[in-house]
Protein backbone atom coordinates (compact mmCIF):
# COMPACT_ATOMS: atom_id res chain seq x y z
CA MET A 1 83.50 34.84 -85.92
CA THR A 2 84.39 37.81 -83.71
CA THR A 3 83.60 38.01 -80.02
CA GLU A 4 80.88 40.60 -80.61
CA LYS A 5 79.18 38.41 -83.22
CA LYS A 6 79.40 35.43 -80.87
CA ARG A 7 77.75 37.49 -78.13
CA ASP A 8 75.03 38.57 -80.52
CA SER A 9 74.45 34.96 -81.58
CA ILE A 10 74.27 33.84 -77.93
CA PHE A 11 71.80 36.64 -77.21
CA CYS A 12 69.66 35.52 -80.17
CA GLY A 13 69.71 31.97 -78.87
CA LEU A 14 68.71 33.05 -75.36
CA ALA A 15 65.93 35.28 -76.70
CA PHE A 16 64.61 32.45 -78.88
CA PHE A 17 64.82 30.02 -75.93
CA SER A 18 62.86 32.54 -73.81
CA ALA A 19 60.23 32.80 -76.54
CA VAL A 20 59.91 29.02 -76.71
CA ALA A 21 59.67 28.79 -72.89
CA ILE A 22 57.02 31.54 -72.69
CA GLY A 23 55.15 29.99 -75.59
CA SER A 24 55.19 26.46 -74.18
CA VAL A 25 53.78 27.68 -70.87
CA SER A 26 51.22 30.06 -72.37
CA PHE A 27 49.89 27.55 -74.89
CA GLY A 28 49.08 25.27 -71.94
CA TYR A 29 46.38 27.68 -70.72
CA GLU A 30 43.05 28.52 -72.29
CA LEU A 31 43.08 31.17 -75.02
CA GLN A 32 41.30 33.95 -73.11
CA SER A 33 43.82 34.07 -70.28
CA SER A 34 46.93 33.52 -72.39
CA TYR A 35 46.36 35.59 -75.52
CA PHE A 36 48.96 38.24 -74.63
CA PRO A 37 51.75 35.80 -73.61
CA ARG A 38 51.15 33.86 -76.81
CA LEU A 39 51.52 36.99 -78.93
CA LEU A 40 54.56 38.00 -76.91
CA SER A 41 56.29 34.66 -77.44
CA ILE A 42 55.64 34.71 -81.18
CA PHE A 43 56.88 38.32 -81.44
CA LEU A 44 59.99 37.62 -79.34
CA GLY A 45 60.80 34.52 -81.37
CA ALA A 46 60.45 36.44 -84.65
CA LEU A 47 62.71 39.23 -83.36
CA ALA A 48 65.34 36.71 -82.23
CA ILE A 49 65.34 34.98 -85.61
CA GLY A 50 65.47 38.33 -87.42
CA LEU A 51 68.43 39.53 -85.38
CA TRP A 52 70.24 36.22 -85.86
CA VAL A 53 69.78 36.46 -89.65
CA ARG A 54 71.15 40.01 -89.48
CA VAL A 55 74.18 38.84 -87.50
CA LEU A 56 74.84 36.13 -90.08
CA LYS A 57 74.55 38.67 -92.93
CA LEU A 58 76.98 41.04 -91.17
CA GLU A 59 79.40 38.15 -90.75
CA SER A 60 79.32 37.45 -94.48
CA ALA A 61 79.83 41.16 -95.26
CA GLY A 62 83.46 40.91 -94.23
CA PRO A 63 85.80 42.10 -91.50
CA ASN A 64 85.72 45.78 -92.54
CA LEU A 65 82.20 46.23 -91.20
CA LYS A 66 82.11 47.61 -87.63
CA LEU A 67 79.05 46.89 -85.50
CA SER A 68 79.73 49.60 -82.91
CA GLU A 69 81.69 52.83 -83.20
CA ASP A 70 81.65 54.21 -79.69
CA VAL A 71 80.98 51.72 -76.91
CA ARG A 72 80.95 54.41 -74.21
CA ALA A 73 78.22 56.37 -76.01
CA GLN A 74 76.20 53.19 -76.43
CA LEU A 75 76.55 52.33 -72.75
CA TRP A 76 75.51 55.86 -71.75
CA GLY A 77 72.47 55.60 -74.04
CA PHE A 78 71.61 52.23 -72.53
CA ALA A 79 71.92 53.67 -69.02
CA LYS A 80 69.55 56.54 -69.91
CA ILE A 81 66.98 54.15 -71.35
CA LEU A 82 67.26 51.76 -68.41
CA GLY A 83 66.93 54.64 -65.94
CA ALA A 84 63.88 55.97 -67.77
CA VAL A 85 62.23 52.54 -67.72
CA LEU A 86 62.90 52.14 -63.99
CA ILE A 87 61.43 55.58 -63.31
CA TYR A 88 58.46 54.64 -65.52
CA ILE A 89 57.84 51.53 -63.42
CA LEU A 90 57.94 53.64 -60.26
CA ALA A 91 55.62 56.22 -61.86
CA ILE A 92 53.08 53.51 -62.67
CA GLN A 93 53.13 52.48 -59.02
CA LEU A 94 52.66 56.08 -57.88
CA THR A 95 50.08 57.30 -60.40
CA ASN A 96 48.46 54.99 -62.94
CA TYR A 97 49.21 53.50 -66.34
CA ALA A 98 47.85 56.31 -68.51
CA VAL A 99 49.57 59.19 -66.70
CA ALA A 100 52.88 57.34 -66.34
CA THR A 101 52.89 56.21 -69.98
CA LEU A 102 52.06 59.68 -71.27
CA LEU A 103 54.91 61.25 -69.26
CA PHE A 104 57.31 58.41 -70.13
CA LEU A 105 56.72 58.78 -73.86
CA ILE A 106 57.19 62.55 -73.74
CA VAL A 107 60.46 62.18 -71.81
CA MET A 108 61.72 59.42 -74.12
CA MET A 109 60.97 61.47 -77.23
CA GLY A 110 62.88 64.35 -75.65
CA LEU A 111 65.84 62.07 -74.92
CA LEU A 112 65.77 60.86 -78.51
CA GLY A 113 65.99 64.39 -79.87
CA GLU A 114 62.46 65.62 -80.50
CA ARG A 115 62.04 69.26 -79.45
CA ASN A 116 58.49 70.14 -80.57
CA PHE A 117 56.45 69.75 -77.36
CA ALA A 118 53.08 69.90 -79.11
CA ARG A 119 54.10 67.05 -81.42
CA MET A 120 55.50 65.04 -78.49
CA ALA A 121 52.29 65.50 -76.48
CA LEU A 122 50.08 64.58 -79.45
CA VAL A 123 52.07 61.46 -80.32
CA ALA A 124 52.31 60.42 -76.66
CA ALA A 125 48.55 60.82 -76.18
CA ALA A 126 47.78 58.84 -79.36
CA VAL A 127 50.19 56.01 -78.48
CA THR A 128 48.96 55.88 -74.87
CA GLY A 129 45.36 55.70 -76.07
CA ALA A 130 46.17 53.00 -78.62
CA LEU A 131 48.08 50.92 -76.05
CA TYR A 132 45.31 51.38 -73.50
CA TYR A 133 42.72 50.16 -76.00
CA LEU A 134 44.89 47.26 -77.21
CA PHE A 135 45.80 45.85 -73.80
CA PHE A 136 42.98 46.81 -71.47
CA ILE A 137 39.96 46.70 -73.78
CA PHE A 138 40.84 44.40 -76.71
CA LEU A 139 43.08 41.90 -74.86
CA GLY A 140 41.28 42.31 -71.52
CA VAL A 141 44.42 42.70 -69.43
CA THR A 142 43.81 44.20 -65.99
CA PRO A 143 45.50 47.61 -65.77
CA PRO A 144 48.05 48.14 -63.01
CA GLU A 145 46.79 50.15 -60.08
CA GLY A 146 48.80 53.00 -58.62
CA LEU A 147 48.63 54.79 -55.30
CA VAL A 148 46.71 57.69 -56.85
CA ILE A 149 43.56 56.56 -58.65
CA PHE A 150 42.42 58.81 -61.48
CA SER A 151 38.83 58.09 -62.47
């Protein structure tokens, strides 16, 4: 097993351990207050298992298969995503969830190569609305409050 595959396997193990830890804590509370953490732990556990199965399949594919072509490009992409998420967190604190999420999605689609602004705005508005409904209405999560309150 190569070093990269070992790292991926360790990551899968840590992600699965995190899912089990979140799940064990969240299943100790009543359903109404722990519905989201329960879903999160199940989703995280499924992703960890899925990635681990993929790593095992890549290992059986043979040594000719490369998992990463350009590490520098991947690190730069990671830095852009991390920076965008940190700015998004700051934007939520300054404005509110809906405005920050709408702007974040438009910027992220631009970073990922989309150039049609009307399409980006439409998709961002639809996703923001769906997420708002899912978390704040259906799941009953309290929305984060920013410095500027938009009514």
